[in-house]
């Protein structure tokens, strides 16, 4: 005797793109873009490959959406830190301290998703990440140039370099105390350079 499984009542579970982007963001952040396959993503999201491509276009397309979400929810809030009238040395030190805190917040997904993504092998994903990292550098330059245009480019480059280092060290397992010590040391460089 063959019996059919009874069908579940009600509507089938609805695909939630925003929840899927959040899940993908965690996966990309934990493993890195290059180590995550489309199969990993479809399994994590509970969808089949055709549905994946229909919803996101490509792995790089989903990564770009993940980067947008990361920036909005976990990225360093440059706009809030780089307030007009705030002393430049103080503000730049605060950026690095906040970066250290955020990069070490989750040991399973340490570092900065955008910074790490800017080094991946896929040109489309790398370009999406670099839009964010270059945007952050421009924001830093713009803030510094308000009072010290002569130092805007080198100081912004220095901050970005330290942020890249903090992200790398966080991914290698350095704890918050070590990252904050590095950020604090960089703060003394700002004080000397700016005389604040």
N, C-alpha and C. Protein backbone atom coordinates (compact mmCIF):
# COMPACT_ATOMS: atom_id res chain seq x y z
N UNK A 1 0.83 -1.16 0.00
CA UNK A 1 0.00 0.00 0.00
C UNK A 1 0.89 1.24 0.00
N UNK A 2 0.63 2.19 -0.90
CA UNK A 2 1.39 3.42 -1.02
C UNK A 2 0.53 4.57 -0.51
N UNK A 3 1.09 5.29 0.37
CA UNK A 3 0.35 6.46 0.86
C UNK A 3 1.18 7.70 0.58
N UNK A 4 0.50 8.75 0.27
CA UNK A 4 1.19 10.02 0.01
C UNK A 4 1.31 10.79 1.30
N UNK A 5 2.41 11.51 1.42
CA UNK A 5 2.59 12.38 2.57
C UNK A 5 1.55 13.48 2.51
N UNK A 6 0.91 13.77 3.62
CA UNK A 6 -0.04 14.88 3.57
C UNK A 6 0.70 16.20 3.36
N UNK A 7 0.12 17.05 2.56
CA UNK A 7 0.72 18.36 2.31
C UNK A 7 0.48 19.27 3.50
N UNK A 8 1.45 20.08 3.80
CA UNK A 8 1.28 21.03 4.90
C UNK A 8 0.19 22.01 4.52
N UNK A 9 -0.58 22.37 5.51
CA UNK A 9 -1.66 23.31 5.25
C UNK A 9 -1.12 24.73 5.24
N UNK A 10 -1.86 25.57 4.58
CA UNK A 10 -1.46 26.98 4.53
C UNK A 10 -0.54 27.25 3.37
N UNK A 11 -0.10 28.49 3.33
CA UNK A 11 0.76 28.92 2.23
C UNK A 11 2.18 28.43 2.46
N UNK A 12 2.92 28.19 1.37
CA UNK A 12 4.32 27.81 1.55
C UNK A 12 5.11 28.96 2.15
N UNK A 13 6.21 28.59 2.82
CA UNK A 13 7.03 29.61 3.44
C UNK A 13 7.52 30.60 2.40
N UNK A 14 7.40 31.87 2.70
CA UNK A 14 7.75 32.93 1.75
C UNK A 14 9.24 33.26 1.85
N UNK A 15 9.87 33.43 0.72
CA UNK A 15 11.27 33.81 0.65
C UNK A 15 11.42 35.25 1.11
N UNK A 16 12.32 35.48 2.04
CA UNK A 16 12.55 36.82 2.59
C UNK A 16 13.93 37.30 2.14
N UNK A 17 13.99 38.16 1.12
CA UNK A 17 15.29 38.60 0.59
C UNK A 17 16.16 39.30 1.64
N UNK A 18 15.55 40.11 2.51
CA UNK A 18 16.35 40.83 3.50
C UNK A 18 16.97 39.89 4.52
N UNK A 19 16.20 38.89 4.96
CA UNK A 19 16.76 37.90 5.88
C UNK A 19 17.86 37.10 5.18
N UNK A 20 17.69 36.85 3.89
CA UNK A 20 18.71 36.14 3.12
C UNK A 20 19.99 36.95 3.00
N UNK A 21 19.86 38.25 2.80
CA UNK A 21 21.04 39.12 2.72
C UNK A 21 21.77 39.11 4.07
N UNK A 22 21.02 39.15 5.16
CA UNK A 22 21.65 39.11 6.49
C UNK A 22 22.40 37.80 6.70
N UNK A 23 21.81 36.68 6.29
CA UNK A 23 22.48 35.38 6.42
C UNK A 23 23.73 35.32 5.56
N UNK A 24 23.62 35.82 4.33
CA UNK A 24 24.78 35.82 3.43
C UNK A 24 25.88 36.72 3.98
N UNK A 25 25.50 37.86 4.54
CA UNK A 25 26.50 38.77 5.11
C UNK A 25 27.30 38.06 6.20
N UNK A 26 26.63 37.34 7.08
CA UNK A 26 27.32 36.62 8.14
C UNK A 26 28.28 35.58 7.56
N UNK A 27 27.83 34.88 6.52
CA UNK A 27 28.66 33.85 5.89
C UNK A 27 29.88 34.48 5.21
N UNK A 28 29.67 35.54 4.43
CA UNK A 28 30.80 36.22 3.78
C UNK A 28 31.78 36.76 4.81
N UNK A 29 31.26 37.32 5.89
CA UNK A 29 32.12 37.93 6.90
C UNK A 29 32.92 36.86 7.64
N UNK A 30 32.30 35.74 7.93
CA UNK A 30 32.98 34.69 8.67
C UNK A 30 34.05 33.98 7.84
N UNK A 31 33.76 33.71 6.57
CA UNK A 31 34.67 32.90 5.75
C UNK A 31 35.49 33.70 4.75
N UNK A 32 35.00 34.88 4.38
CA UNK A 32 35.62 35.63 3.30
C UNK A 32 34.94 35.30 1.99
N UNK A 33 34.88 36.27 1.10
CA UNK A 33 34.13 36.11 -0.16
C UNK A 33 34.59 34.89 -0.95
N UNK A 34 35.89 34.74 -1.12
CA UNK A 34 36.41 33.69 -1.99
C UNK A 34 36.11 32.29 -1.47
N UNK A 35 35.98 32.12 -0.16
CA UNK A 35 35.76 30.80 0.42
C UNK A 35 34.29 30.39 0.44
N UNK A 36 33.39 31.28 0.05
CA UNK A 36 31.96 30.98 0.05
C UNK A 36 31.53 30.66 -1.38
N UNK A 37 30.93 29.49 -1.58
CA UNK A 37 30.46 29.10 -2.91
C UNK A 37 28.97 29.40 -3.04
N UNK A 38 28.49 29.36 -4.27
CA UNK A 38 27.04 29.52 -4.50
C UNK A 38 26.31 28.37 -3.80
N UNK A 39 26.88 27.18 -3.81
CA UNK A 39 26.26 26.04 -3.12
C UNK A 39 26.14 26.32 -1.62
N UNK A 40 27.18 26.90 -1.03
CA UNK A 40 27.12 27.27 0.39
C UNK A 40 25.97 28.26 0.63
N UNK A 41 25.85 29.23 -0.26
CA UNK A 41 24.83 30.26 -0.10
C UNK A 41 23.43 29.68 -0.27
N UNK A 42 23.22 28.87 -1.30
CA UNK A 42 21.87 28.32 -1.50
C UNK A 42 21.48 27.41 -0.34
N UNK A 43 22.44 26.68 0.20
CA UNK A 43 22.14 25.83 1.36
C UNK A 43 21.80 26.70 2.57
N UNK A 44 22.60 27.73 2.83
CA UNK A 44 22.35 28.59 3.98
C UNK A 44 21.03 29.35 3.86
N UNK A 45 20.67 29.72 2.64
CA UNK A 45 19.45 30.49 2.43
C UNK A 45 18.22 29.61 2.22
N UNK A 46 18.44 28.33 2.03
CA UNK A 46 17.33 27.41 1.84
C UNK A 46 16.60 27.60 0.52
N UNK A 47 17.36 27.94 -0.53
CA UNK A 47 16.77 28.11 -1.86
C UNK A 47 17.58 27.33 -2.88
N UNK A 48 16.99 27.12 -4.05
CA UNK A 48 17.72 26.41 -5.10
C UNK A 48 18.46 27.42 -5.99
N UNK A 49 19.43 26.94 -6.77
CA UNK A 49 20.22 27.87 -7.59
C UNK A 49 19.40 28.77 -8.52
N UNK A 50 18.37 28.27 -9.22
CA UNK A 50 17.61 29.19 -10.06
C UNK A 50 16.96 30.33 -9.26
N UNK A 51 16.44 30.00 -8.07
CA UNK A 51 15.86 31.05 -7.22
C UNK A 51 16.92 32.03 -6.74
N UNK A 52 18.10 31.49 -6.44
CA UNK A 52 19.22 32.35 -6.01
C UNK A 52 19.55 33.36 -7.11
N UNK A 53 19.74 32.88 -8.34
CA UNK A 53 20.11 33.77 -9.43
C UNK A 53 18.98 34.74 -9.78
N UNK A 54 17.74 34.29 -9.65
CA UNK A 54 16.61 35.19 -9.91
C UNK A 54 16.54 36.31 -8.88
N UNK A 55 16.87 35.98 -7.63
CA UNK A 55 16.78 36.98 -6.55
C UNK A 55 17.97 37.93 -6.52
N UNK A 56 19.18 37.41 -6.80
CA UNK A 56 20.39 38.21 -6.57
C UNK A 56 21.26 38.42 -7.81
N UNK A 57 20.98 37.71 -8.88
CA UNK A 57 21.75 37.88 -10.10
C UNK A 57 23.03 37.08 -10.13
N UNK A 58 23.79 37.15 -9.06
CA UNK A 58 25.07 36.46 -8.99
C UNK A 58 25.56 36.48 -7.54
N UNK A 59 26.60 35.73 -7.30
CA UNK A 59 27.24 35.74 -5.98
C UNK A 59 27.75 37.16 -5.68
N UNK A 60 28.36 37.80 -6.65
CA UNK A 60 28.87 39.17 -6.46
C UNK A 60 27.72 40.15 -6.21
N UNK A 61 26.58 39.92 -6.85
CA UNK A 61 25.42 40.77 -6.61
C UNK A 61 24.92 40.66 -5.19
N UNK A 62 24.89 39.44 -4.66
CA UNK A 62 24.49 39.25 -3.27
C UNK A 62 25.53 39.85 -2.34
N UNK A 63 26.80 39.73 -2.70
CA UNK A 63 27.86 40.33 -1.87
C UNK A 63 27.70 41.85 -1.81
N UNK A 64 27.39 42.47 -2.94
CA UNK A 64 27.19 43.93 -2.96
C UNK A 64 26.05 44.32 -2.02
N UNK A 65 24.97 43.55 -2.04
CA UNK A 65 23.86 43.84 -1.13
C UNK A 65 24.26 43.60 0.32
N UNK A 66 25.09 42.59 0.55
CA UNK A 66 25.59 42.31 1.90
C UNK A 66 26.46 43.46 2.40
N UNK A 67 27.27 44.01 1.50
CA UNK A 67 28.11 45.16 1.87
C UNK A 67 27.26 46.36 2.25
N UNK A 68 26.20 46.61 1.50
CA UNK A 68 25.31 47.73 1.84
C UNK A 68 24.71 47.54 3.22
N UNK A 69 24.27 46.34 3.51
CA UNK A 69 23.69 46.05 4.82
C UNK A 69 24.74 46.18 5.91
N UNK A 70 25.93 45.65 5.65
CA UNK A 70 27.02 45.74 6.63
C UNK A 70 27.34 47.20 6.95
N UNK A 71 27.44 48.03 5.94
CA UNK A 71 27.75 49.44 6.14
C UNK A 71 26.69 50.11 7.00
N UNK A 72 25.44 49.78 6.75
CA UNK A 72 24.34 50.40 7.48
C UNK A 72 24.22 49.89 8.92
N UNK A 73 24.62 48.65 9.17
CA UNK A 73 24.38 48.07 10.49
C UNK A 73 25.64 47.86 11.33
N UNK A 74 26.79 47.64 10.70
CA UNK A 74 27.99 47.30 11.46
C UNK A 74 29.23 48.11 11.08
N UNK A 75 29.14 48.90 10.04
CA UNK A 75 30.29 49.69 9.62
C UNK A 75 30.59 50.82 10.60
N UNK A 76 31.80 51.32 10.54
CA UNK A 76 32.20 52.44 11.40
C UNK A 76 31.39 53.67 10.99
N UNK A 77 30.66 54.28 11.92
CA UNK A 77 29.78 55.41 11.57
C UNK A 77 30.57 56.72 11.43
N UNK A 78 31.22 56.86 10.29
CA UNK A 78 32.08 58.03 10.08
C UNK A 78 31.32 59.34 10.22
N UNK A 79 30.11 59.41 9.72
CA UNK A 79 29.33 60.64 9.80
C UNK A 79 29.09 61.09 11.22
N UNK A 80 28.86 60.15 12.12
CA UNK A 80 28.62 60.50 13.52
C UNK A 80 29.90 60.88 14.24
N UNK A 81 31.02 60.28 13.85
CA UNK A 81 32.29 60.54 14.53
C UNK A 81 32.95 61.82 14.02
N UNK A 82 32.91 62.02 12.71
CA UNK A 82 33.60 63.17 12.09
C UNK A 82 32.66 64.37 12.04
N UNK A 83 32.27 64.84 13.22
CA UNK A 83 31.35 65.97 13.31
C UNK A 83 32.08 67.28 13.06
N UNK A 84 31.46 68.21 12.36
CA UNK A 84 32.08 69.52 12.14
C UNK A 84 32.42 70.18 13.49
N UNK A 85 33.59 70.78 13.52
CA UNK A 85 34.04 71.45 14.74
C UNK A 85 34.78 70.56 15.72
N UNK A 86 34.71 69.26 15.55
CA UNK A 86 35.44 68.36 16.44
C UNK A 86 36.93 68.42 16.10
N UNK A 87 37.80 68.47 17.10
CA UNK A 87 39.24 68.48 16.81
C UNK A 87 39.63 67.27 15.96
N UNK A 88 40.42 67.51 14.93
CA UNK A 88 40.75 66.47 13.97
C UNK A 88 41.46 65.29 14.61
N UNK A 89 42.47 65.56 15.45
CA UNK A 89 43.20 64.46 16.07
C UNK A 89 42.28 63.59 16.92
N UNK A 90 41.41 64.23 17.67
CA UNK A 90 40.45 63.50 18.51
C UNK A 90 39.51 62.66 17.65
N UNK A 91 39.01 63.23 16.58
CA UNK A 91 38.06 62.53 15.72
C UNK A 91 38.72 61.33 15.03
N UNK A 92 39.93 61.51 14.52
CA UNK A 92 40.61 60.41 13.84
C UNK A 92 40.94 59.28 14.81
N UNK A 93 41.35 59.63 16.03
CA UNK A 93 41.61 58.61 17.04
C UNK A 93 40.31 57.86 17.37
N UNK A 94 39.20 58.58 17.43
CA UNK A 94 37.91 57.94 17.71
C UNK A 94 37.50 56.99 16.59
N UNK A 95 37.79 57.35 15.35
CA UNK A 95 37.50 56.46 14.22
C UNK A 95 38.23 55.14 14.40
N UNK A 96 39.52 55.21 14.73
CA UNK A 96 40.30 53.98 14.87
C UNK A 96 39.86 53.17 16.09
N UNK A 97 39.52 53.83 17.19
CA UNK A 97 39.04 53.10 18.36
C UNK A 97 37.72 52.39 18.05
N UNK A 98 36.83 53.07 17.36
CA UNK A 98 35.55 52.45 16.99
C UNK A 98 35.78 51.30 16.02
N UNK A 99 36.71 51.47 15.08
CA UNK A 99 37.03 50.38 14.16
C UNK A 99 37.53 49.17 14.94
N UNK A 100 38.43 49.39 15.89
CA UNK A 100 38.96 48.29 16.70
C UNK A 100 37.82 47.56 17.41
N UNK A 101 36.91 48.30 18.00
CA UNK A 101 35.79 47.68 18.72
C UNK A 101 34.90 46.85 17.77
N UNK A 102 34.58 47.43 16.64
CA UNK A 102 33.69 46.73 15.71
C UNK A 102 34.38 45.53 15.07
N UNK A 103 35.66 45.65 14.74
CA UNK A 103 36.37 44.55 14.09
C UNK A 103 36.57 43.36 15.03
N UNK A 104 36.61 43.62 16.34
CA UNK A 104 36.82 42.54 17.31
C UNK A 104 35.51 42.07 17.95
N UNK A 105 34.40 42.67 17.58
CA UNK A 105 33.12 42.39 18.26
C UNK A 105 32.67 40.93 18.12
N UNK A 106 32.93 40.32 16.99
CA UNK A 106 32.49 38.94 16.77
C UNK A 106 33.68 38.12 16.31
N UNK A 107 34.24 37.31 17.20
CA UNK A 107 35.42 36.52 16.82
C UNK A 107 35.17 35.58 15.63
N UNK A 108 33.91 35.21 15.41
CA UNK A 108 33.59 34.33 14.28
C UNK A 108 33.51 35.08 12.96
N UNK A 109 33.37 36.40 13.02
CA UNK A 109 33.30 37.24 11.82
C UNK A 109 34.07 38.52 12.10
N UNK A 110 35.36 38.37 12.33
CA UNK A 110 36.20 39.50 12.73
C UNK A 110 36.64 40.31 11.52
N UNK A 111 37.10 41.51 11.81
CA UNK A 111 37.60 42.40 10.77
C UNK A 111 36.47 43.15 10.09
N UNK A 112 36.83 43.82 9.00
CA UNK A 112 35.88 44.64 8.25
C UNK A 112 35.51 43.92 6.95
N UNK A 113 34.22 43.70 6.74
CA UNK A 113 33.77 43.00 5.54
C UNK A 113 34.19 43.73 4.26
N UNK A 114 34.12 45.06 4.26
CA UNK A 114 34.49 45.82 3.06
C UNK A 114 36.00 45.76 2.80
N UNK A 115 36.79 45.96 3.84
CA UNK A 115 38.25 45.92 3.68
C UNK A 115 38.69 44.55 3.19
N UNK A 116 38.17 43.51 3.81
CA UNK A 116 38.56 42.16 3.40
C UNK A 116 38.04 41.84 2.00
N UNK A 117 36.84 42.32 1.67
CA UNK A 117 36.29 42.09 0.34
C UNK A 117 37.06 42.79 -0.76
N UNK A 118 37.70 43.90 -0.42
CA UNK A 118 38.47 44.65 -1.41
C UNK A 118 39.71 43.88 -1.87
N UNK A 119 40.01 42.77 -1.21
CA UNK A 119 41.16 41.95 -1.59
C UNK A 119 40.77 40.62 -2.21
N UNK A 120 39.48 40.43 -2.49
CA UNK A 120 39.05 39.12 -3.01
C UNK A 120 39.42 38.97 -4.49
N UNK A 121 39.26 37.77 -5.00
CA UNK A 121 39.66 37.47 -6.38
C UNK A 121 38.66 37.91 -7.43
N UNK A 122 37.38 37.97 -7.08
CA UNK A 122 36.33 38.29 -8.05
C UNK A 122 36.33 39.80 -8.34
N UNK A 123 36.52 40.21 -9.60
CA UNK A 123 36.62 41.64 -9.90
C UNK A 123 35.34 42.43 -9.58
N UNK A 124 34.17 41.83 -9.77
CA UNK A 124 32.94 42.56 -9.47
C UNK A 124 32.76 42.75 -7.97
N UNK A 125 33.02 41.71 -7.20
CA UNK A 125 32.92 41.81 -5.74
C UNK A 125 33.96 42.77 -5.20
N UNK A 126 35.17 42.67 -5.74
CA UNK A 126 36.25 43.57 -5.31
C UNK A 126 35.88 45.02 -5.60
N UNK A 127 35.30 45.27 -6.75
CA UNK A 127 34.91 46.64 -7.11
C UNK A 127 33.83 47.16 -6.17
N UNK A 128 32.86 46.32 -5.81
CA UNK A 128 31.80 46.74 -4.89
C UNK A 128 32.39 47.11 -3.53
N UNK A 129 33.34 46.32 -3.05
CA UNK A 129 33.97 46.61 -1.76
C UNK A 129 34.81 47.88 -1.84
N UNK A 130 35.51 48.06 -2.95
CA UNK A 130 36.36 49.24 -3.08
C UNK A 130 35.57 50.53 -3.18
N UNK A 131 34.36 50.49 -3.68
CA UNK A 131 33.51 51.69 -3.66
C UNK A 131 33.34 52.16 -2.23
N UNK A 132 33.12 51.22 -1.32
CA UNK A 132 32.94 51.59 0.09
C UNK A 132 34.23 52.05 0.74
N UNK A 133 35.32 51.34 0.50
CA UNK A 133 36.58 51.74 1.13
C UNK A 133 37.08 53.07 0.58
N UNK A 134 36.90 53.30 -0.71
CA UNK A 134 37.30 54.58 -1.28
C UNK A 134 36.39 55.71 -0.81
N UNK A 135 35.11 55.40 -0.62
CA UNK A 135 34.18 56.39 -0.08
C UNK A 135 34.57 56.80 1.34
N UNK A 136 34.99 55.83 2.14
CA UNK A 136 35.44 56.14 3.50
C UNK A 136 36.68 57.02 3.46
N UNK A 137 37.61 56.70 2.57
CA UNK A 137 38.83 57.52 2.44
C UNK A 137 38.48 58.95 2.04
N UNK A 138 37.54 59.10 1.12
CA UNK A 138 37.12 60.45 0.70
C UNK A 138 36.46 61.21 1.84
N UNK A 139 35.66 60.52 2.63
CA UNK A 139 35.03 61.16 3.79
C UNK A 139 36.09 61.64 4.78
N UNK A 140 37.09 60.82 5.03
CA UNK A 140 38.18 61.22 5.92
C UNK A 140 38.93 62.43 5.37
N UNK A 141 39.26 62.39 4.08
CA UNK A 141 39.98 63.51 3.46
C UNK A 141 39.17 64.80 3.55
N UNK A 142 37.88 64.69 3.27
CA UNK A 142 37.02 65.86 3.33
C UNK A 142 36.97 66.46 4.71
N UNK A 143 36.88 65.62 5.73
CA UNK A 143 36.83 66.11 7.11
C UNK A 143 38.14 66.80 7.48
N UNK A 144 39.26 66.17 7.18
CA UNK A 144 40.56 66.74 7.54
C UNK A 144 40.81 68.03 6.78
N UNK A 145 40.43 68.07 5.52
CA UNK A 145 40.71 69.26 4.70
C UNK A 145 39.95 70.49 5.17
N UNK A 146 38.92 70.31 5.98
CA UNK A 146 38.19 71.45 6.52
C UNK A 146 39.05 72.35 7.37
N UNK A 147 40.04 71.77 8.04
CA UNK A 147 40.95 72.58 8.88
C UNK A 147 42.41 72.44 8.49
N UNK A 148 42.78 71.31 7.90
CA UNK A 148 44.18 71.08 7.54
C UNK A 148 44.29 70.50 6.14
N UNK A 149 43.99 71.30 5.11
CA UNK A 149 44.06 70.76 3.74
C UNK A 149 45.45 70.26 3.37
N UNK A 150 46.48 70.82 3.97
CA UNK A 150 47.85 70.40 3.68
C UNK A 150 48.13 68.96 4.13
N UNK A 151 47.38 68.48 5.11
CA UNK A 151 47.60 67.13 5.64
C UNK A 151 46.48 66.15 5.30
N UNK A 152 45.49 66.61 4.55
CA UNK A 152 44.31 65.78 4.32
C UNK A 152 44.65 64.45 3.65
N UNK A 153 45.40 64.47 2.58
CA UNK A 153 45.70 63.22 1.86
C UNK A 153 46.57 62.28 2.68
N UNK A 154 47.72 62.73 3.24
CA UNK A 154 48.54 61.76 3.98
C UNK A 154 47.88 61.25 5.25
N UNK A 155 47.15 62.11 5.96
CA UNK A 155 46.50 61.63 7.18
C UNK A 155 45.36 60.66 6.86
N UNK A 156 44.58 60.95 5.83
CA UNK A 156 43.50 60.02 5.44
C UNK A 156 44.11 58.68 5.03
N UNK A 157 45.19 58.72 4.26
CA UNK A 157 45.86 57.48 3.86
C UNK A 157 46.37 56.72 5.08
N UNK A 158 46.89 57.44 6.06
CA UNK A 158 47.39 56.81 7.28
C UNK A 158 46.25 56.12 8.04
N UNK A 159 45.13 56.81 8.18
CA UNK A 159 43.98 56.23 8.88
C UNK A 159 43.51 54.96 8.16
N UNK A 160 43.39 55.03 6.85
CA UNK A 160 42.96 53.86 6.07
C UNK A 160 43.96 52.71 6.24
N UNK A 161 45.24 53.03 6.22
CA UNK A 161 46.26 51.99 6.39
C UNK A 161 46.14 51.32 7.75
N UNK A 162 45.93 52.10 8.79
CA UNK A 162 45.77 51.53 10.14
C UNK A 162 44.48 50.71 10.21
N UNK A 163 43.42 51.18 9.58
CA UNK A 163 42.17 50.41 9.58
C UNK A 163 42.36 49.06 8.89
N UNK A 164 43.08 49.05 7.79
CA UNK A 164 43.37 47.79 7.10
C UNK A 164 44.15 46.86 8.02
N UNK A 165 45.14 47.41 8.71
CA UNK A 165 45.92 46.62 9.65
C UNK A 165 45.08 46.08 10.80
N UNK A 166 44.21 46.91 11.34
CA UNK A 166 43.34 46.46 12.43
C UNK A 166 42.42 45.33 11.96
N UNK A 167 41.90 45.46 10.76
CA UNK A 167 41.03 44.42 10.22
C UNK A 167 41.79 43.10 10.06
N UNK A 168 42.99 43.19 9.52
CA UNK A 168 43.81 42.00 9.32
C UNK A 168 44.15 41.34 10.65
N UNK A 169 44.56 42.14 11.62
CA UNK A 169 44.91 41.58 12.93
C UNK A 169 43.70 40.97 13.62
N UNK A 170 42.55 41.61 13.49
CA UNK A 170 41.33 41.04 14.09
C UNK A 170 41.02 39.68 13.47
N UNK A 171 41.17 39.57 12.16
CA UNK A 171 40.91 38.28 11.49
C UNK A 171 41.93 37.23 11.90
N UNK A 172 43.11 37.67 12.29
CA UNK A 172 44.14 36.73 12.74
C UNK A 172 43.99 36.37 14.21
N UNK A 173 42.96 36.92 14.87
CA UNK A 173 42.68 36.54 16.24
C UNK A 173 43.15 37.49 17.32
N UNK A 174 43.68 38.64 16.94
CA UNK A 174 44.08 39.60 17.96
C UNK A 174 42.84 40.11 18.68
N UNK A 175 42.91 40.21 19.99
CA UNK A 175 41.78 40.64 20.79
C UNK A 175 41.63 42.15 20.82
N UNK A 176 40.54 42.58 21.43
CA UNK A 176 40.21 43.99 21.49
C UNK A 176 41.30 44.82 22.17
N UNK A 177 41.88 44.32 23.24
CA UNK A 177 42.90 45.10 23.95
C UNK A 177 44.08 45.43 23.03
N UNK A 178 44.52 44.47 22.25
CA UNK A 178 45.65 44.71 21.35
C UNK A 178 45.26 45.69 20.25
N UNK A 179 44.05 45.55 19.72
CA UNK A 179 43.61 46.47 18.67
C UNK A 179 43.47 47.89 19.20
N UNK A 180 42.92 48.02 20.40
CA UNK A 180 42.79 49.35 21.00
C UNK A 180 44.16 49.98 21.30
N UNK A 181 45.12 49.16 21.70
CA UNK A 181 46.47 49.68 21.95
C UNK A 181 47.07 50.24 20.67
N UNK A 182 46.84 49.55 19.56
CA UNK A 182 47.33 50.04 18.27
C UNK A 182 46.63 51.34 17.89
N UNK A 183 45.32 51.37 18.07
CA UNK A 183 44.56 52.59 17.76
C UNK A 183 45.03 53.76 18.63
N UNK A 184 45.30 53.49 19.89
CA UNK A 184 45.76 54.53 20.80
C UNK A 184 47.13 55.07 20.38
N UNK A 185 48.00 54.19 19.97
CA UNK A 185 49.32 54.62 19.49
C UNK A 185 49.19 55.50 18.26
N UNK A 186 48.29 55.13 17.36
CA UNK A 186 48.05 55.96 16.18
C UNK A 186 47.52 57.33 16.59
N UNK A 187 46.75 57.39 17.66
CA UNK A 187 46.24 58.66 18.15
C UNK A 187 47.35 59.63 18.51
N UNK A 188 48.46 59.12 19.02
CA UNK A 188 49.59 60.01 19.35
C UNK A 188 50.21 60.59 18.08
N UNK A 189 50.16 59.85 16.99
CA UNK A 189 50.66 60.35 15.71
C UNK A 189 49.80 61.54 15.26
N UNK A 190 48.49 61.43 15.42
CA UNK A 190 47.61 62.54 15.03
C UNK A 190 47.89 63.79 15.86
N UNK A 191 48.07 63.59 17.16
CA UNK A 191 48.35 64.74 18.03
C UNK A 191 49.63 65.44 17.62
N UNK A 192 50.68 64.66 17.33
CA UNK A 192 51.95 65.27 16.92
C UNK A 192 51.83 65.97 15.57
N UNK A 193 51.17 65.31 14.65
CA UNK A 193 51.06 65.86 13.29
C UNK A 193 50.22 67.13 13.25
N UNK A 194 49.19 67.16 14.08
CA UNK A 194 48.24 68.26 14.03
C UNK A 194 48.43 69.30 15.13
N UNK A 195 49.15 68.92 16.17
CA UNK A 195 49.33 69.86 17.27
C UNK A 195 48.04 70.15 18.01
N UNK A 196 47.04 69.23 17.96
CA UNK A 196 45.77 69.42 18.68
C UNK A 196 45.94 69.16 20.17
